[in-house]
Amino acid sequence: MEIGTKIALVALGITVLSNIISIVMYSSKQTTALEVLKISFEDFKKGMEKNFEDFKTEIKEKIKESRLHTDEHIKRLEEKQDKHNSVIERMAIVEQSVKSAHHRNDDVIIRLQNLERKVH
């Protein structure tokens, strides 16, 4: 084999070897990039899960506070309703008593009128 052919074969071998090295390096970079991307995604996922848990906790606290305020308002309304019902019950008793007093008053008036007739 001639020297020129040998040089060409060596050059071709070097080129093939350099391409193989480039492919290996590119593949390793891609693998590294995928690993970095995977790690970044996992970190993002953990952060989002924490944010979601914090959000759930905050919502639960707000619901609990709202429930307490609602319970307080309901209790106050029930107390007002009880007072109102008590007034209604007492008014019914007063009305009955007034009605009875009017009947007694009417009876007294009738007796007075009868006495006045007898006297005259």
PDB file of N, CA and C in Angstrom:
ATOM      1  N   MET A   1       0.832  -1.149   0.000  1.00  0.00           N
ATOM      2  CA  MET A   1       0.000   0.000   0.000  1.00  0.00           C
ATOM      3  C   MET A   1       0.899   1.240   0.000  1.00  0.00           C
ATOM      4  N   GLU A   2       0.392   2.214  -0.720  1.00  0.00           N
ATOM      5  CA  GLU A   2       1.173   3.442  -0.828  1.00  0.00           C
ATOM      6  C   GLU A   2       0.991   4.268   0.430  1.00  0.00           C
ATOM      7  N   ILE A   3       1.903   5.114   0.626  1.00  0.00           N
ATOM      8  CA  ILE A   3       1.907   5.986   1.805  1.00  0.00           C
ATOM      9  C   ILE A   3       0.703   6.912   1.778  1.00  0.00           C
ATOM     10  N   GLY A   4       0.322   7.370   0.625  1.00  0.00           N
ATOM     11  CA  GLY A   4      -0.834   8.271   0.517  1.00  0.00           C
ATOM     12  C   GLY A   4      -2.111   7.555   0.921  1.00  0.00           C
ATOM     13  N   THR A   5      -2.225   6.309   0.541  1.00  0.00           N
ATOM     14  CA  THR A   5      -3.397   5.521   0.895  1.00  0.00           C
ATOM     15  C   THR A   5      -3.419   5.278   2.390  1.00  0.00           C
ATOM     16  N   LYS A   6      -2.204   4.990   2.946  1.00  0.00           N
ATOM     17  CA  LYS A   6      -2.101   4.774   4.397  1.00  0.00           C
ATOM     18  C   LYS A   6      -2.515   6.036   5.139  1.00  0.00           C
ATOM     19  N   ILE A   7      -2.049   7.182   4.666  1.00  0.00           N
ATOM     20  CA  ILE A   7      -2.389   8.464   5.319  1.00  0.00           C
ATOM     21  C   ILE A   7      -3.903   8.698   5.211  1.00  0.00           C
ATOM     22  N   ALA A   8      -4.470   8.383   4.059  1.00  0.00           N
ATOM     23  CA  ALA A   8      -5.898   8.578   3.872  1.00  0.00           C
ATOM     24  C   ALA A   8      -6.693   7.665   4.803  1.00  0.00           C
ATOM     25  N   LEU A   9      -6.218   6.416   4.962  1.00  0.00           N
ATOM     26  CA  LEU A   9      -6.899   5.485   5.860  1.00  0.00           C
ATOM     27  C   LEU A   9      -6.785   5.933   7.323  1.00  0.00           C
ATOM     28  N   VAL A  10      -5.593   6.423   7.688  1.00  0.00           N
ATOM     29  CA  VAL A  10      -5.403   6.935   9.051  1.00  0.00           C
ATOM     30  C   VAL A  10      -6.315   8.148   9.267  1.00  0.00           C
ATOM     31  N   ALA A  11      -6.368   9.035   8.293  1.00  0.00           N
ATOM     32  CA  ALA A  11      -7.214  10.230   8.396  1.00  0.00           C
ATOM     33  C   ALA A  11      -8.679   9.820   8.507  1.00  0.00           C
ATOM     34  N   LEU A  12      -9.060   8.832   7.694  1.00  0.00           N
ATOM     35  CA  LEU A  12     -10.427   8.343   7.752  1.00  0.00           C
ATOM     36  C   LEU A  12     -10.716   7.719   9.117  1.00  0.00           C
ATOM     37  N   GLY A  13      -9.772   6.964   9.636  1.00  0.00           N
ATOM     38  CA  GLY A  13      -9.922   6.361  10.962  1.00  0.00           C
ATOM     39  C   GLY A  13     -10.058   7.429  12.046  1.00  0.00           C
ATOM     40  N   ILE A  14      -9.218   8.457  11.915  1.00  0.00           N
ATOM     41  CA  ILE A  14      -9.277   9.560  12.898  1.00  0.00           C
ATOM     42  C   ILE A  14     -10.649  10.250  12.801  1.00  0.00           C
ATOM     43  N   THR A  15     -11.135  10.459  11.602  1.00  0.00           N
ATOM     44  CA  THR A  15     -12.434  11.112  11.404  1.00  0.00           C
ATOM     45  C   THR A  15     -13.555  10.265  11.998  1.00  0.00           C
ATOM     46  N   VAL A  16     -13.525   8.964  11.708  1.00  0.00           N
ATOM     47  CA  VAL A  16     -14.549   8.074  12.247  1.00  0.00           C
ATOM     48  C   VAL A  16     -14.489   8.074  13.778  1.00  0.00           C
ATOM     49  N   LEU A  17     -13.244   7.968  14.307  1.00  0.00           N
ATOM     50  CA  LEU A  17     -13.057   7.976  15.763  1.00  0.00           C
ATOM     51  C   LEU A  17     -13.560   9.282  16.366  1.00  0.00           C
ATOM     52  N   SER A  18     -13.258  10.393  15.717  1.00  0.00           N
ATOM     53  CA  SER A  18     -13.690  11.697  16.227  1.00  0.00           C
ATOM     54  C   SER A  18     -15.209  11.809  16.168  1.00  0.00           C
ATOM     55  N   ASN A  19     -15.842  11.265  15.107  1.00  0.00           N
ATOM     56  CA  ASN A  19     -17.306  11.271  15.031  1.00  0.00           C
ATOM     57  C   ASN A  19     -17.922  10.409  16.141  1.00  0.00           C
ATOM     58  N   ILE A  20     -17.302   9.254  16.384  1.00  0.00           N
ATOM     59  CA  ILE A  20     -17.791   8.382  17.461  1.00  0.00           C
ATOM     60  C   ILE A  20     -17.679   9.103  18.806  1.00  0.00           C
ATOM     61  N   ILE A  21     -16.546   9.761  19.039  1.00  0.00           N
ATOM     62  CA  ILE A  21     -16.354  10.518  20.290  1.00  0.00           C
ATOM     63  C   ILE A  21     -17.404  11.633  20.395  1.00  0.00           C
ATOM     64  N   SER A  22     -17.669  12.314  19.280  1.00  0.00           N
ATOM     65  CA  SER A  22     -18.667  13.392  19.276  1.00  0.00           C
ATOM     66  C   SER A  22     -20.052  12.842  19.605  1.00  0.00           C
ATOM     67  N   ILE A  23     -20.365  11.693  19.008  1.00  0.00           N
ATOM     68  CA  ILE A  23     -21.663  11.080  19.268  1.00  0.00           C
ATOM     69  C   ILE A  23     -21.776  10.674  20.737  1.00  0.00           C
ATOM     70  N   VAL A  24     -20.715  10.075  21.276  1.00  0.00           N
ATOM     71  CA  VAL A  24     -20.731   9.664  22.685  1.00  0.00           C
ATOM     72  C   VAL A  24     -20.878  10.883  23.578  1.00  0.00           C
ATOM     73  N   MET A  25     -20.127  11.940  23.285  1.00  0.00           N
ATOM     74  CA  MET A  25     -20.200  13.161  24.101  1.00  0.00           C
ATOM     75  C   MET A  25     -21.591  13.798  24.006  1.00  0.00           C
ATOM     76  N   TYR A  26     -22.131  13.846  22.790  1.00  0.00           N
ATOM     77  CA  TYR A  26     -23.463  14.417  22.604  1.00  0.00           C
ATOM     78  C   TYR A  26     -24.502  13.598  23.365  1.00  0.00           C
ATOM     79  N   SER A  27     -24.384  12.274  23.265  1.00  0.00           N
ATOM     80  CA  SER A  27     -25.316  11.396  23.985  1.00  0.00           C
ATOM     81  C   SER A  27     -25.203  11.592  25.492  1.00  0.00           C
ATOM     82  N   SER A  28     -23.970  11.698  25.983  1.00  0.00           N
ATOM     83  CA  SER A  28     -23.799  11.887  27.427  1.00  0.00           C
ATOM     84  C   SER A  28     -24.343  13.243  27.859  1.00  0.00           C
ATOM     85  N   LYS A  29     -24.177  14.265  26.984  1.00  0.00           N
ATOM     86  CA  LYS A  29     -24.748  15.574  27.301  1.00  0.00           C
ATOM     87  C   LYS A  29     -26.270  15.502  27.321  1.00  0.00           C
ATOM     88  N   GLN A  30     -26.827  14.765  26.366  1.00  0.00           N
ATOM     89  CA  GLN A  30     -28.279  14.611  26.325  1.00  0.00           C
ATOM     90  C   GLN A  30     -28.774  13.891  27.571  1.00  0.00           C
ATOM     91  N   THR A  31     -28.059  12.849  27.973  1.00  0.00           N
ATOM     92  CA  THR A  31     -28.426  12.114  29.176  1.00  0.00           C
ATOM     93  C   THR A  31     -28.339  13.028  30.382  1.00  0.00           C
ATOM     94  N   THR A  32     -27.264  13.804  30.446  1.00  0.00           N
ATOM     95  CA  THR A  32     -27.093  14.742  31.553  1.00  0.00           C
ATOM     96  C   THR A  32     -28.205  15.789  31.534  1.00  0.00           C
ATOM     97  N   ALA A  33     -28.520  16.288  30.344  1.00  0.00           N
ATOM     98  CA  ALA A  33     -29.581  17.291  30.225  1.00  0.00           C
ATOM     99  C   ALA A  33     -30.915  16.690  30.665  1.00  0.00           C
ATOM    100  N   LEU A  34     -31.175  15.441  30.279  1.00  0.00           N
ATOM    101  CA  LEU A  34     -32.406  14.788  30.699  1.00  0.00           C
ATOM    102  C   LEU A  34     -32.437  14.579  32.207  1.00  0.00           C
ATOM    103  N   GLU A  35     -31.303  14.218  32.766  1.00  0.00           N
ATOM    104  CA  GLU A  35     -31.241  14.037  34.218  1.00  0.00           C
ATOM    105  C   GLU A  35     -31.480  15.362  34.933  1.00  0.00           C
ATOM    106  N   VAL A  36     -30.859  16.430  34.426  1.00  0.00           N
ATOM    107  CA  VAL A  36     -31.051  17.764  35.018  1.00  0.00           C
ATOM    108  C   VAL A  36     -32.512  18.170  34.886  1.00  0.00           C
ATOM    109  N   LEU A  37     -33.091  17.914  33.715  1.00  0.00           N
ATOM    110  CA  LEU A  37     -34.495  18.243  33.500  1.00  0.00           C
ATOM    111  C   LEU A  37     -35.378  17.440  34.436  1.00  0.00           C
ATOM    112  N   LYS A  38     -35.067  16.161  34.607  1.00  0.00           N
ATOM    113  CA  LYS A  38     -35.845  15.316  35.511  1.00  0.00           C
ATOM    114  C   LYS A  38     -35.750  15.821  36.947  1.00  0.00           C
ATOM    115  N   ILE A  39     -34.540  16.179  37.382  1.00  0.00           N
ATOM    116  CA  ILE A  39     -34.336  16.710  38.733  1.00  0.00           C
ATOM    117  C   ILE A  39     -35.098  18.025  38.894  1.00  0.00           C
ATOM    118  N   SER A  40     -35.017  18.887  37.885  1.00  0.00           N
ATOM    119  CA  SER A  40     -35.723  20.174  37.941  1.00  0.00           C
ATOM    120  C   SER A  40     -37.228  19.950  38.029  1.00  0.00           C
ATOM    121  N   PHE A  41     -37.728  19.001  37.246  1.00  0.00           N
ATOM    122  CA  PHE A  41     -39.153  18.703  37.277  1.00  0.00           C
ATOM    123  C   PHE A  41     -39.568  18.171  38.644  1.00  0.00           C
ATOM    124  N   GLU A  42     -38.772  17.293  39.217  1.00  0.00           N
ATOM    125  CA  GLU A  42     -39.077  16.750  40.545  1.00  0.00           C
ATOM    126  C   GLU A  42     -39.091  17.864  41.586  1.00  0.00           C
ATOM    127  N   ASP A  43     -38.112  18.779  41.504  1.00  0.00           N
ATOM    128  CA  ASP A  43     -38.087  19.917  42.436  1.00  0.00           C
ATOM    129  C   ASP A  43     -39.336  20.780  42.255  1.00  0.00           C
ATOM    130  N   PHE A  44     -39.691  21.037  40.990  1.00  0.00           N
ATOM    131  CA  PHE A  44     -40.885  21.831  40.697  1.00  0.00           C
ATOM    132  C   PHE A  44     -42.123  21.137  41.248  1.00  0.00           C
ATOM    133  N   LYS A  45     -42.206  19.824  41.031  1.00  0.00           N
ATOM    134  CA  LYS A  45     -43.347  19.046  41.500  1.00  0.00           C
ATOM    135  C   LYS A  45     -43.456  19.112  43.019  1.00  0.00           C
ATOM    136  N   LYS A  46     -42.325  18.955  43.716  1.00  0.00           N
ATOM    137  CA  LYS A  46     -42.338  19.026  45.177  1.00  0.00           C
ATOM    138  C   LYS A  46     -42.787  20.412  45.640  1.00  0.00           C
ATOM    139  N   GLY A  47     -42.276  21.445  44.959  1.00  0.00           N
ATOM    140  CA  GLY A  47     -42.670  22.814  45.307  1.00  0.00           C
ATOM    141  C   GLY A  47     -44.162  23.034  45.109  1.00  0.00           C
ATOM    142  N   MET A  48     -44.694  22.522  43.991  1.00  0.00           N
ATOM    143  CA  MET A  48     -46.119  22.673  43.722  1.00  0.00           C
ATOM    144  C   MET A  48     -46.949  21.885  44.729  1.00  0.00           C
ATOM    145  N   GLU A  49     -46.492  20.695  45.099  1.00  0.00           N
ATOM    146  CA  GLU A  49     -47.212  19.903  46.101  1.00  0.00           C
ATOM    147  C   GLU A  49     -47.241  20.638  47.435  1.00  0.00           C
ATOM    148  N   LYS A  50     -46.113  21.250  47.807  1.00  0.00           N
ATOM    149  CA  LYS A  50     -46.061  22.019  49.060  1.00  0.00           C
ATOM    150  C   LYS A  50     -46.996  23.223  48.978  1.00  0.00           C
ATOM    151  N   ASN A  51     -46.960  23.930  47.842  1.00  0.00           N
ATOM    152  CA  ASN A  51     -47.861  25.074  47.676  1.00  0.00           C
ATOM    153  C   ASN A  51     -49.313  24.642  47.770  1.00  0.00           C
ATOM    154  N   PHE A  52     -49.633  23.501  47.162  1.00  0.00           N
ATOM    155  CA  PHE A  52     -51.007  23.001  47.202  1.00  0.00           C
ATOM    156  C   PHE A  52     -51.398  22.626  48.628  1.00  0.00           C
ATOM    157  N   GLU A  53     -50.513  21.977  49.358  1.00  0.00           N
ATOM    158  CA  GLU A  53     -50.808  21.612  50.746  1.00  0.00           C
ATOM    159  C   GLU A  53     -50.996  22.868  51.598  1.00  0.00           C
ATOM    160  N   ASP A  54     -50.133  23.887  51.385  1.00  0.00           N
ATOM    161  CA  ASP A  54     -50.287  25.149  52.111  1.00  0.00           C
ATOM    162  C   ASP A  54     -51.634  25.789  51.788  1.00  0.00           C
ATOM    163  N   PHE A  55     -52.006  25.747  50.509  1.00  0.00           N
ATOM    164  CA  PHE A  55     -53.277  26.308  50.078  1.00  0.00           C
ATOM    165  C   PHE A  55     -54.444  25.566  50.726  1.00  0.00           C
ATOM    166  N   LYS A  56     -54.373  24.229  50.747  1.00  0.00           N
ATOM    167  CA  LYS A  56     -55.428  23.435  51.384  1.00  0.00           C
ATOM    168  C   LYS A  56     -55.538  23.779  52.862  1.00  0.00           C
ATOM    169  N   THR A  57     -54.396  23.891  53.535  1.00  0.00           N
ATOM    170  CA  THR A  57     -54.398  24.221  54.966  1.00  0.00           C
ATOM    171  C   THR A  57     -55.036  25.587  55.191  1.00  0.00           C
ATOM    172  N   GLU A  58     -54.667  26.551  54.354  1.00  0.00           N
ATOM    173  CA  GLU A  58     -55.209  27.905  54.495  1.00  0.00           C
ATOM    174  C   GLU A  58     -56.721  27.907  54.254  1.00  0.00           C
ATOM    175  N   ILE A  59     -57.166  27.170  53.250  1.00  0.00           N
ATOM    176  CA  ILE A  59     -58.600  27.095  52.958  1.00  0.00           C
ATOM    177  C   ILE A  59     -59.339  26.448  54.127  1.00  0.00           C
ATOM    178  N   LYS A  60     -58.769  25.371  54.675  1.00  0.00           N
ATOM    179  CA  LYS A  60     -59.405  24.703  55.816  1.00  0.00           C
ATOM    180  C   LYS A  60     -59.529  25.656  57.001  1.00  0.00           C
ATOM    181  N   GLU A  61     -58.471  26.460  57.251  1.00  0.00           N
ATOM    182  CA  GLU A  61     -58.517  27.426  58.358  1.00  0.00           C
ATOM    183  C   GLU A  61     -59.599  28.475  58.108  1.00  0.00           C
ATOM    184  N   LYS A  62     -59.678  28.963  56.863  1.00  0.00           N
ATOM    185  CA  LYS A  62     -60.694  29.969  56.528  1.00  0.00           C
ATOM    186  C   LYS A  62     -62.101  29.389  56.701  1.00  0.00           C
ATOM    187  N   ILE A  63     -62.284  28.145  56.288  1.00  0.00           N
ATOM    188  CA  ILE A  63     -63.596  27.497  56.444  1.00  0.00           C
ATOM    189  C   ILE A  63     -63.923  27.352  57.926  1.00  0.00           C
ATOM    190  N   LYS A  64     -62.925  26.979  58.722  1.00  0.00           N
ATOM    191  CA  LYS A  64     -63.147  26.821  60.162  1.00  0.00           C
ATOM    192  C   LYS A  64     -63.535  28.158  60.792  1.00  0.00           C
ATOM    193  N   GLU A  65     -62.808  29.232  60.421  1.00  0.00           N
ATOM    194  CA  GLU A  65     -63.136  30.563  60.938  1.00  0.00           C
ATOM    195  C   GLU A  65     -64.547  30.955  60.515  1.00  0.00           C
ATOM    196  N   SER A  66     -64.859  30.728  59.257  1.00  0.00           N
ATOM    197  CA  SER A  66     -66.184  31.077  58.750  1.00  0.00           C
ATOM    198  C   SER A  66     -67.266  30.297  59.478  1.00  0.00           C
ATOM    199  N   ARG A  67     -67.013  29.029  59.725  1.00  0.00           N
ATOM    200  CA  ARG A  67     -67.984  28.198  60.440  1.00  0.00           C
ATOM    201  C   ARG A  67     -68.191  28.740  61.856  1.00  0.00           C
ATOM    202  N   LEU A  68     -67.095  29.153  62.524  1.00  0.00           N
ATOM    203  CA  LEU A  68     -67.225  29.701  63.876  1.00  0.00           C
ATOM    204  C   LEU A  68     -68.069  30.977  63.861  1.00  0.00           C
ATOM    205  N   HIS A  69     -67.803  31.856  62.894  1.00  0.00           N
ATOM    206  CA  HIS A  69     -68.576  33.094  62.801  1.00  0.00           C
ATOM    207  C   HIS A  69     -70.041  32.788  62.501  1.00  0.00           C
ATOM    208  N   THR A  70     -70.264  31.840  61.620  1.00  0.00           N
ATOM    209  CA  THR A  70     -71.640  31.461  61.289  1.00  0.00           C
ATOM    210  C   THR A  70     -72.344  30.899  62.510  1.00  0.00           C
ATOM    211  N   ASP A  71     -71.650  30.048  63.253  1.00  0.00           N
ATOM    212  CA  ASP A  71     -72.242  29.476  64.466  1.00  0.00           C
ATOM    213  C   ASP A  71     -72.584  30.574  65.474  1.00  0.00           C
ATOM    214  N   GLU A  72     -71.680  31.574  65.604  1.00  0.00           N
ATOM    215  CA  GLU A  72     -71.947  32.691  66.519  1.00  0.00           C
ATOM    216  C   GLU A  72     -73.189  33.467  66.068  1.00  0.00           C
ATOM    217  N   HIS A  73     -73.275  33.740  64.757  1.00  0.00           N
ATOM    218  CA  HIS A  73     -74.436  34.477  64.243  1.00  0.00           C
ATOM    219  C   HIS A  73     -75.726  33.678  64.465  1.00  0.00           C
ATOM    220  N   ILE A  74     -75.666  32.398  64.220  1.00  0.00           N
ATOM    221  CA  ILE A  74     -76.853  31.557  64.420  1.00  0.00           C
ATOM    222  C   ILE A  74     -77.259  31.568  65.888  1.00  0.00           C
ATOM    223  N   LYS A  75     -76.272  31.495  66.793  1.00  0.00           N
ATOM    224  CA  LYS A  75     -76.573  31.503  68.227  1.00  0.00           C
ATOM    225  C   LYS A  75     -77.257  32.818  68.620  1.00  0.00           C
ATOM    226  N   ARG A  76     -76.714  33.948  68.102  1.00  0.00           N
ATOM    227  CA  ARG A  76     -77.329  35.241  68.409  1.00  0.00           C
ATOM    228  C   ARG A  76     -78.750  35.327  67.836  1.00  0.00           C
ATOM    229  N   LEU A  77     -78.936  34.829  66.630  1.00  0.00           N
ATOM    230  CA  LEU A  77     -80.272  34.847  66.036  1.00  0.00           C
ATOM    231  C   LEU A  77     -81.239  33.964  66.826  1.00  0.00           C
ATOM    232  N   GLU A  78     -80.762  32.829  67.297  1.00  0.00           N
ATOM    233  CA  GLU A  78     -81.617  31.958  68.104  1.00  0.00           C
ATOM    234  C   GLU A  78     -82.008  32.649  69.409  1.00  0.00           C
ATOM    235  N   GLU A  79     -81.048  33.373  70.021  1.00  0.00           N
ATOM    236  CA  GLU A  79     -81.355  34.105  71.254  1.00  0.00           C
ATOM    237  C   GLU A  79     -82.408  35.180  70.984  1.00  0.00           C
ATOM    238  N   LYS A  80     -82.242  35.901  69.868  1.00  0.00           N
ATOM    239  CA  LYS A  80     -83.236  36.920  69.515  1.00  0.00           C
ATOM    240  C   LYS A  80     -84.599  36.281  69.263  1.00  0.00           C
ATOM    241  N   GLN A  81     -84.589  35.152  68.582  1.00  0.00           N
ATOM    242  CA  GLN A  81     -85.852  34.441  68.304  1.00  0.00           C
ATOM    243  C   GLN A  81     -86.507  33.999  69.600  1.00  0.00           C
ATOM    244  N   ASP A  82     -85.692  33.509  70.557  1.00  0.00           N
ATOM    245  CA  ASP A  82     -86.235  33.101  71.856  1.00  0.00           C
ATOM    246  C   ASP A  82     -86.870  34.291  72.576  1.00  0.00           C
ATOM    247  N   LYS A  83     -86.185  35.449  72.557  1.00  0.00           N
ATOM    248  CA  LYS A  83     -86.746  36.647  73.192  1.00  0.00           C
ATOM    249  C   LYS A  83     -88.048  37.045  72.513  1.00  0.00           C
ATOM    250  N   HIS A  84     -88.051  37.005  71.191  1.00  0.00           N
ATOM    251  CA  HIS A  84     -89.245  37.361  70.438  1.00  0.00           C
ATOM    252  C   HIS A  84     -90.397  36.417  70.793  1.00  0.00           C
ATOM    253  N   ASN A  85     -90.107  35.138  70.828  1.00  0.00           N
ATOM    254  CA  ASN A  85     -91.143  34.157  71.175  1.00  0.00           C
ATOM    255  C   ASN A  85     -91.666  34.404  72.586  1.00  0.00           C
ATOM    256  N   SER A  86     -90.758  34.761  73.494  1.00  0.00           N
ATOM    257  CA  SER A  86     -91.168  35.047  74.867  1.00  0.00           C
ATOM    258  C   SER A  86     -92.112  36.249  74.912  1.00  0.00           C
ATOM    259  N   VAL A  87     -91.777  37.284  74.138  1.00  0.00           N
ATOM    260  CA  VAL A  87     -92.636  38.469  74.080  1.00  0.00           C
ATOM    261  C   VAL A  87     -94.000  38.087  73.510  1.00  0.00           C
ATOM    262  N   ILE A  88     -94.021  37.292  72.474  1.00  0.00           N
ATOM    263  CA  ILE A  88     -95.286  36.868  71.865  1.00  0.00           C
ATOM    264  C   ILE A  88     -96.122  36.098  72.884  1.00  0.00           C
ATOM    265  N   GLU A  89     -95.504  35.182  73.610  1.00  0.00           N
ATOM    266  CA  GLU A  89     -96.231  34.403  74.625  1.00  0.00           C
ATOM    267  C   GLU A  89     -96.790  35.311  75.712  1.00  0.00           C
ATOM    268  N   ARG A  90     -95.962  36.265  76.183  1.00  0.00           N
ATOM    269  CA  ARG A  90     -96.435  37.177  77.232  1.00  0.00           C
ATOM    270  C   ARG A  90     -97.554  38.069  76.718  1.00  0.00           C
ATOM    271  N   MET A  91     -97.434  38.501  75.445  1.00  0.00           N
ATOM    272  CA  MET A  91     -98.489  39.345  74.879  1.00  0.00           C
ATOM    273  C   MET A  91     -99.812  38.575  74.788  1.00  0.00           C
ATOM    274  N   ALA A  92     -99.741  37.309  74.465  1.00  0.00           N
ATOM    275  CA  ALA A  92    -100.965  36.493  74.419  1.00  0.00           C
ATOM    276  C   ALA A  92    -101.604  36.426  75.796  1.00  0.00           C
ATOM    277  N   ILE A  93    -100.775  36.277  76.838  1.00  0.00           N
ATOM    278  CA  ILE A  93    -101.283  36.248  78.218  1.00  0.00           C
ATOM    279  C   ILE A  93    -101.892  37.595  78.594  1.00  0.00           C
ATOM    280  N   VAL A  94    -101.189  38.692  78.222  1.00  0.00           N
ATOM    281  CA  VAL A  94    -101.699  40.041  78.509  1.00  0.00           C
ATOM    282  C   VAL A  94    -103.024  40.270  77.790  1.00  0.00           C
ATOM    283  N   GLU A  95    -103.104  39.861  76.524  1.00  0.00           N
ATOM    284  CA  GLU A  95    -104.352  40.026  75.778  1.00  0.00           C
ATOM    285  C   GLU A  95    -105.502  39.285  76.461  1.00  0.00           C
ATOM    286  N   GLN A  96    -105.234  38.082  76.905  1.00  0.00           N
ATOM    287  CA  GLN A  96    -106.271  37.294  77.605  1.00  0.00           C
ATOM    288  C   GLN A  96    -106.676  37.992  78.897  1.00  0.00           C
ATOM    289  N   SER A  97    -105.660  38.509  79.604  1.00  0.00           N
ATOM    290  CA  SER A  97    -105.935  39.203  80.865  1.00  0.00           C
ATOM    291  C   SER A  97    -106.743  40.473  80.617  1.00  0.00           C
ATOM    292  N   VAL A  98    -106.398  41.228  79.569  1.00  0.00           N
ATOM    293  CA  VAL A  98    -107.128  42.454  79.238  1.00  0.00           C
ATOM    294  C   VAL A  98    -108.569  42.103  78.856  1.00  0.00           C
ATOM    295  N   LYS A  99    -108.720  41.051  78.081  1.00  0.00           N
ATOM    296  CA  LYS A  99    -110.053  40.607  77.670  1.00  0.00           C
ATOM    297  C   LYS A  99    -110.900  40.261  78.901  1.00  0.00           C
ATOM    298  N   SER A 100    -110.279  39.554  79.843  1.00  0.00           N
ATOM    299  CA  SER A 100    -110.964  39.189  81.081  1.00  0.00           C
ATOM    300  C   SER A 100    -111.306  40.438  81.890  1.00  0.00           C
ATOM    301  N   ALA A 101    -110.366  41.385  81.941  1.00  0.00           N
ATOM    302  CA  ALA A 101    -110.611  42.634  82.680  1.00  0.00           C
ATOM    303  C   ALA A 101    -111.763  43.403  82.052  1.00  0.00           C
ATOM    304  N   HIS A 102    -111.838  43.422  80.724  1.00  0.00           N
ATOM    305  CA  HIS A 102    -112.942  44.109  80.054  1.00  0.00           C
ATOM    306  C   HIS A 102    -114.284  43.445  80.401  1.00  0.00           C
ATOM    307  N   HIS A 103    -114.278  42.138  80.432  1.00  0.00           N
ATOM    308  CA  HIS A 103    -115.524  41.440  80.801  1.00  0.00           C
ATOM    309  C   HIS A 103    -115.938  41.797  82.233  1.00  0.00           C
ATOM    310  N   ARG A 104    -114.958  41.806  83.148  1.00  0.00           N
ATOM    311  CA  ARG A 104    -115.284  42.168  84.547  1.00  0.00           C
ATOM    312  C   ARG A 104    -115.771  43.608  84.614  1.00  0.00           C
ATOM    313  N   ASN A 105    -115.089  44.475  83.848  1.00  0.00           N
ATOM    314  CA  ASN A 105    -115.485  45.889  83.826  1.00  0.00           C
ATOM    315  C   ASN A 105    -116.913  46.022  83.288  1.00  0.00           C
ATOM    316  N   ASP A 106    -117.200  45.280  82.208  1.00  0.00           N
ATOM    317  CA  ASP A 106    -118.562  45.310  81.664  1.00  0.00           C
ATOM    318  C   ASP A 106    -119.574  44.815  82.697  1.00  0.00           C
ATOM    319  N   ASP A 107    -119.217  43.769  83.446  1.00  0.00           N
ATOM    320  CA  ASP A 107    -120.104  43.244  84.493  1.00  0.00           C
ATOM    321  C   ASP A 107    -120.347  44.312  85.569  1.00  0.00           C
ATOM    322  N   VAL A 108    -119.304  45.012  85.953  1.00  0.00           N
ATOM    323  CA  VAL A 108    -119.434  46.060  86.982  1.00  0.00           C
ATOM    324  C   VAL A 108    -120.336  47.180  86.471  1.00  0.00           C
ATOM    325  N   ILE A 109    -120.161  47.564  85.211  1.00  0.00           N
ATOM    326  CA  ILE A 109    -120.984  48.634  84.628  1.00  0.00           C
ATOM    327  C   ILE A 109    -122.453  48.215  84.624  1.00  0.00           C
ATOM    328  N   ILE A 110    -122.711  46.977  84.232  1.00  0.00           N
ATOM    329  CA  ILE A 110    -124.086  46.476  84.204  1.00  0.00           C
ATOM    330  C   ILE A 110    -124.675  46.485  85.622  1.00  0.00           C
ATOM    331  N   ARG A 111    -123.922  46.068  86.621  1.00  0.00           N
ATOM    332  CA  ARG A 111    -124.403  46.069  88.005  1.00  0.00           C
ATOM    333  C   ARG A 111    -124.695  47.488  88.473  1.00  0.00           C
ATOM    334  N   LEU A 112    -123.778  48.419  88.119  1.00  0.00           N
ATOM    335  CA  LEU A 112    -124.008  49.818  88.502  1.00  0.00           C
ATOM    336  C   LEU A 112    -125.286  50.350  87.853  1.00  0.00           C
ATOM    337  N   GLN A 113    -125.476  50.031  86.599  1.00  0.00           N
ATOM    338  CA  GLN A 113    -126.681  50.494  85.918  1.00  0.00           C
ATOM    339  C   GLN A 113    -127.924  49.887  86.564  1.00  0.00           C
ATOM    340  N   ASN A 114    -127.879  48.624  86.942  1.00  0.00           N
ATOM    341  CA  ASN A 114    -129.015  47.984  87.614  1.00  0.00           C
ATOM    342  C   ASN A 114    -129.277  48.640  88.966  1.00  0.00           C
ATOM    343  N   LEU A 115    -128.207  48.937  89.697  1.00  0.00           N
ATOM    344  CA  LEU A 115    -128.366  49.608  90.994  1.00  0.00           C
ATOM    345  C   LEU A 115    -128.963  50.995  90.811  1.00  0.00           C
ATOM    346  N   GLU A 116    -128.520  51.718  89.800  1.00  0.00           N
ATOM    347  CA  GLU A 116    -129.032  53.066  89.548  1.00  0.00           C
ATOM    348  C   GLU A 116    -130.533  53.000  89.210  1.00  0.00           C
ATOM    349  N   ARG A 117    -130.959  51.999  88.500  1.00  0.00           N
ATOM    350  CA  ARG A 117    -132.366  51.861  88.143  1.00  0.00           C
ATOM    351  C   ARG A 117    -133.205  51.565  89.382  1.00  0.00           C
ATOM    352  N   LYS A 118    -132.628  50.730  90.235  1.00  0.00           N
ATOM    353  CA  LYS A 118    -133.371  50.390  91.439  1.00  0.00           C
ATOM    354  C   LYS A 118    -133.487  51.615  92.343  1.00  0.00           C
ATOM    355  N   VAL A 119    -132.458  52.404  92.385  1.00  0.00           N
ATOM    356  CA  VAL A 119    -132.457  53.582  93.248  1.00  0.00           C
ATOM    357  C   VAL A 119    -133.418  54.616  92.687  1.00  0.00           C
ATOM    358  N   HIS A 120    -133.576  54.804  91.495  1.00  0.00           N
ATOM    359  CA  HIS A 120    -134.449  55.822  90.901  1.00  0.00           C
ATOM    360  C   HIS A 120    -135.757  55.307  90.749  1.00  0.00           C
TER     361      HIS A 120
END
